[in-house]
């Protein structure tokens, strides 16, 4: 069984110009290396999403919340080998 990934979504209060601040906060916390480079995406006009290893999800969410991002959500990414059931 693999460790898996979590999808982290950070709402930016409608200001997508704040997206770089998300990654600055992770860099300052020493967690930027945990972000999967090819999975960065603007989820909508006011949010950014990225994947991290599941075992680092709590540290990433805590670092972002402590940096002033008040709407941070994390979702478990399930392997497509098994299907999409929970």
N, C-alpha and C. Protein backbone atom coordinates (compact mmCIF):
# COMPACT_ATOMS: atom_id res chain seq x y z
N UNK A 1 0.85 -1.17 0.00
CA UNK A 1 0.00 0.00 0.00
C UNK A 1 0.90 1.24 0.00
N UNK A 2 0.62 2.17 -0.90
CA UNK A 2 1.44 3.38 -1.00
C UNK A 2 0.98 4.43 -0.01
N UNK A 3 1.87 5.37 0.24
CA UNK A 3 1.55 6.45 1.18
C UNK A 3 0.44 7.32 0.63
N UNK A 4 0.42 7.58 -0.67
CA UNK A 4 -0.63 8.37 -1.29
C UNK A 4 -0.38 9.85 -1.18
N UNK A 5 -1.33 10.59 -1.69
CA UNK A 5 -1.23 12.04 -1.74
C UNK A 5 -2.49 12.69 -1.21
N UNK A 6 -2.33 13.95 -0.86
CA UNK A 6 -3.47 14.79 -0.49
C UNK A 6 -3.49 15.99 -1.42
N UNK A 7 -4.68 16.41 -1.77
CA UNK A 7 -4.86 17.63 -2.55
C UNK A 7 -5.15 18.75 -1.57
N UNK A 8 -4.33 19.79 -1.58
CA UNK A 8 -4.53 20.93 -0.70
C UNK A 8 -5.06 22.09 -1.54
N UNK A 9 -6.15 22.69 -1.10
CA UNK A 9 -6.76 23.83 -1.79
C UNK A 9 -6.77 25.02 -0.84
N UNK A 10 -6.21 26.14 -1.31
CA UNK A 10 -6.12 27.36 -0.51
C UNK A 10 -6.95 28.44 -1.18
N UNK A 11 -8.01 28.89 -0.50
CA UNK A 11 -8.82 30.00 -1.02
C UNK A 11 -8.05 31.29 -0.79
N UNK A 12 -8.05 32.15 -1.80
CA UNK A 12 -7.26 33.38 -1.75
C UNK A 12 -8.13 34.63 -1.64
N UNK A 13 -9.34 34.49 -1.17
CA UNK A 13 -10.27 35.61 -1.00
C UNK A 13 -10.45 36.39 -2.30
N UNK A 14 -10.52 35.66 -3.42
CA UNK A 14 -10.75 36.30 -4.71
C UNK A 14 -9.56 37.04 -5.28
N UNK A 15 -8.40 36.95 -4.63
CA UNK A 15 -7.21 37.68 -5.07
C UNK A 15 -6.13 36.68 -5.48
N UNK A 16 -6.15 36.28 -6.77
CA UNK A 16 -5.20 35.28 -7.23
C UNK A 16 -3.76 35.78 -7.20
N UNK A 17 -3.55 37.09 -7.04
CA UNK A 17 -2.20 37.64 -6.93
C UNK A 17 -1.52 37.17 -5.63
N UNK A 18 -2.30 36.64 -4.69
CA UNK A 18 -1.74 36.15 -3.42
C UNK A 18 -1.18 34.74 -3.54
N UNK A 19 -1.36 34.08 -4.69
CA UNK A 19 -0.89 32.70 -4.86
C UNK A 19 0.59 32.52 -4.54
N UNK A 20 1.49 33.42 -4.98
CA UNK A 20 2.90 33.22 -4.63
C UNK A 20 3.16 33.23 -3.13
N UNK A 21 2.31 33.91 -2.35
CA UNK A 21 2.48 33.95 -0.90
C UNK A 21 2.26 32.57 -0.27
N UNK A 22 1.42 31.75 -0.91
CA UNK A 22 1.20 30.39 -0.43
C UNK A 22 2.53 29.63 -0.45
N UNK A 23 3.24 29.74 -1.56
CA UNK A 23 4.49 28.99 -1.71
C UNK A 23 5.62 29.61 -0.91
N UNK A 24 5.57 30.91 -0.67
CA UNK A 24 6.55 31.55 0.23
C UNK A 24 6.37 31.01 1.64
N UNK A 25 5.11 30.87 2.08
CA UNK A 25 4.84 30.35 3.43
C UNK A 25 5.36 28.92 3.56
N UNK A 26 5.15 28.11 2.52
CA UNK A 26 5.64 26.73 2.57
C UNK A 26 7.16 26.68 2.56
N UNK A 27 7.77 27.57 1.79
CA UNK A 27 9.23 27.62 1.74
C UNK A 27 9.81 27.99 3.10
N UNK A 28 9.20 29.00 3.76
CA UNK A 28 9.67 29.42 5.08
C UNK A 28 9.53 28.31 6.11
N UNK A 29 8.52 27.45 5.93
CA UNK A 29 8.30 26.35 6.86
C UNK A 29 9.12 25.11 6.48
N UNK A 30 9.88 25.21 5.40
CA UNK A 30 10.69 24.08 4.95
C UNK A 30 9.89 22.98 4.30
N UNK A 31 8.71 23.31 3.78
CA UNK A 31 7.81 22.31 3.21
C UNK A 31 7.61 22.44 1.71
N UNK A 32 8.26 23.40 1.09
CA UNK A 32 8.03 23.62 -0.34
C UNK A 32 8.44 22.39 -1.16
N UNK A 33 9.47 21.69 -0.72
CA UNK A 33 9.91 20.49 -1.42
C UNK A 33 8.89 19.38 -1.43
N UNK A 34 7.87 19.46 -0.56
CA UNK A 34 6.84 18.43 -0.50
C UNK A 34 5.77 18.61 -1.57
N UNK A 35 5.73 19.79 -2.22
CA UNK A 35 4.72 20.07 -3.23
C UNK A 35 5.12 19.38 -4.53
N UNK A 36 4.18 18.67 -5.13
CA UNK A 36 4.42 18.02 -6.40
C UNK A 36 4.37 19.07 -7.50
N UNK A 37 5.52 19.34 -8.12
CA UNK A 37 5.64 20.43 -9.09
C UNK A 37 4.62 20.37 -10.23
N UNK A 38 4.37 19.20 -10.77
CA UNK A 38 3.49 19.13 -11.93
C UNK A 38 2.02 19.13 -11.57
N UNK A 39 1.68 19.37 -10.33
CA UNK A 39 0.28 19.36 -9.92
C UNK A 39 -0.23 20.72 -9.47
N UNK A 40 0.56 21.78 -9.65
CA UNK A 40 0.09 23.10 -9.26
C UNK A 40 -1.00 23.55 -10.21
N UNK A 41 -2.04 24.16 -9.68
CA UNK A 41 -3.14 24.59 -10.55
C UNK A 41 -3.98 25.63 -9.84
N UNK A 42 -4.45 26.61 -10.62
CA UNK A 42 -5.45 27.53 -10.10
C UNK A 42 -6.78 26.80 -10.16
N UNK A 43 -7.34 26.48 -9.01
CA UNK A 43 -8.57 25.70 -8.94
C UNK A 43 -9.74 26.52 -9.49
N UNK A 44 -9.80 27.76 -9.10
CA UNK A 44 -10.73 28.72 -9.70
C UNK A 44 -10.06 30.07 -9.57
N UNK A 45 -10.77 31.13 -9.88
CA UNK A 45 -10.12 32.44 -9.90
C UNK A 45 -9.60 32.89 -8.54
N UNK A 46 -10.05 32.25 -7.48
CA UNK A 46 -9.63 32.69 -6.16
C UNK A 46 -9.04 31.60 -5.29
N UNK A 47 -8.51 30.54 -5.91
CA UNK A 47 -7.94 29.45 -5.11
C UNK A 47 -6.82 28.78 -5.89
N UNK A 48 -5.87 28.22 -5.14
CA UNK A 48 -4.79 27.45 -5.74
C UNK A 48 -4.80 26.06 -5.12
N UNK A 49 -4.53 25.06 -5.93
CA UNK A 49 -4.49 23.69 -5.44
C UNK A 49 -3.20 23.01 -5.82
N UNK A 50 -2.74 22.11 -4.98
CA UNK A 50 -1.52 21.36 -5.25
C UNK A 50 -1.54 20.08 -4.42
N UNK A 51 -0.71 19.12 -4.84
CA UNK A 51 -0.64 17.83 -4.15
C UNK A 51 0.59 17.76 -3.26
N UNK A 52 0.43 17.09 -2.13
CA UNK A 52 1.54 16.83 -1.21
C UNK A 52 1.41 15.39 -0.74
N UNK A 53 2.52 14.79 -0.27
CA UNK A 53 2.40 13.45 0.31
C UNK A 53 1.42 13.47 1.49
N UNK A 54 0.61 12.44 1.59
CA UNK A 54 -0.41 12.40 2.64
C UNK A 54 0.18 12.57 4.03
N UNK A 55 1.38 12.04 4.26
CA UNK A 55 1.97 12.14 5.59
C UNK A 55 2.47 13.54 5.92
N UNK A 56 2.50 14.45 4.95
CA UNK A 56 2.91 15.84 5.18
C UNK A 56 1.72 16.81 5.17
N UNK A 57 0.52 16.30 4.90
CA UNK A 57 -0.65 17.15 4.75
C UNK A 57 -0.92 18.01 5.98
N UNK A 58 -0.88 17.45 7.17
CA UNK A 58 -1.18 18.22 8.39
C UNK A 58 -0.17 19.34 8.58
N UNK A 59 1.11 19.07 8.33
CA UNK A 59 2.14 20.10 8.49
C UNK A 59 1.95 21.23 7.47
N UNK A 60 1.57 20.87 6.24
CA UNK A 60 1.35 21.88 5.20
C UNK A 60 0.16 22.76 5.57
N UNK A 61 -0.95 22.14 5.97
CA UNK A 61 -2.15 22.91 6.35
C UNK A 61 -1.85 23.82 7.53
N UNK A 62 -1.17 23.30 8.54
CA UNK A 62 -0.84 24.11 9.72
C UNK A 62 0.06 25.29 9.35
N UNK A 63 1.07 25.05 8.52
CA UNK A 63 1.97 26.14 8.11
C UNK A 63 1.21 27.24 7.37
N UNK A 64 0.28 26.85 6.51
CA UNK A 64 -0.49 27.85 5.76
C UNK A 64 -1.44 28.62 6.68
N UNK A 65 -2.10 27.92 7.58
CA UNK A 65 -3.00 28.60 8.52
C UNK A 65 -2.24 29.55 9.43
N UNK A 66 -1.06 29.15 9.88
CA UNK A 66 -0.24 30.01 10.73
C UNK A 66 0.29 31.22 9.96
N UNK A 67 0.30 31.14 8.64
CA UNK A 67 0.76 32.25 7.80
C UNK A 67 -0.38 33.16 7.38
N UNK A 68 -1.57 32.93 7.93
CA UNK A 68 -2.68 33.84 7.69
C UNK A 68 -3.68 33.40 6.64
N UNK A 69 -3.51 32.22 6.07
CA UNK A 69 -4.49 31.71 5.11
C UNK A 69 -5.58 31.00 5.90
N UNK A 70 -6.78 31.58 5.90
CA UNK A 70 -7.83 31.10 6.79
C UNK A 70 -8.71 30.01 6.18
N UNK A 71 -8.67 29.83 4.88
CA UNK A 71 -9.50 28.81 4.24
C UNK A 71 -8.61 27.83 3.49
N UNK A 72 -8.11 26.84 4.23
CA UNK A 72 -7.22 25.82 3.67
C UNK A 72 -7.93 24.48 3.86
N UNK A 73 -8.05 23.74 2.76
CA UNK A 73 -8.72 22.44 2.83
C UNK A 73 -7.82 21.37 2.22
N UNK A 74 -7.92 20.17 2.74
CA UNK A 74 -7.14 19.06 2.22
C UNK A 74 -8.06 17.88 1.95
N UNK A 75 -7.80 17.21 0.84
CA UNK A 75 -8.60 16.07 0.41
C UNK A 75 -7.68 14.90 0.12
N UNK A 76 -8.09 13.72 0.51
CA UNK A 76 -7.32 12.52 0.21
C UNK A 76 -7.49 12.18 -1.27
N UNK A 77 -6.39 11.90 -1.94
CA UNK A 77 -6.43 11.49 -3.34
C UNK A 77 -6.33 9.97 -3.36
N UNK A 78 -7.35 9.35 -3.88
CA UNK A 78 -7.39 7.89 -3.95
C UNK A 78 -6.74 7.40 -5.24
N UNK A 79 -6.12 6.25 -5.16
CA UNK A 79 -5.51 5.63 -6.33
C UNK A 79 -6.59 5.23 -7.34
N UNK A 80 -6.34 5.48 -8.61
CA UNK A 80 -7.31 5.13 -9.65
C UNK A 80 -7.31 3.62 -9.92
N UNK A 81 -6.35 2.87 -9.38
CA UNK A 81 -6.29 1.43 -9.58
C UNK A 81 -7.47 0.73 -8.92
N UNK A 82 -7.90 1.23 -7.81
CA UNK A 82 -8.97 0.59 -7.05
C UNK A 82 -10.33 1.10 -7.50
N UNK A 83 -10.40 2.29 -8.00
CA UNK A 83 -11.67 2.90 -8.35
C UNK A 83 -11.89 4.14 -7.52
N UNK A 84 -13.01 4.72 -7.62
CA UNK A 84 -13.29 5.97 -6.93
C UNK A 84 -14.15 5.76 -5.70
N UNK A 85 -14.33 4.53 -5.21
CA UNK A 85 -15.14 4.37 -4.01
C UNK A 85 -14.39 4.77 -2.76
N UNK A 86 -15.14 5.15 -1.77
CA UNK A 86 -14.55 5.59 -0.51
C UNK A 86 -14.46 4.48 0.47
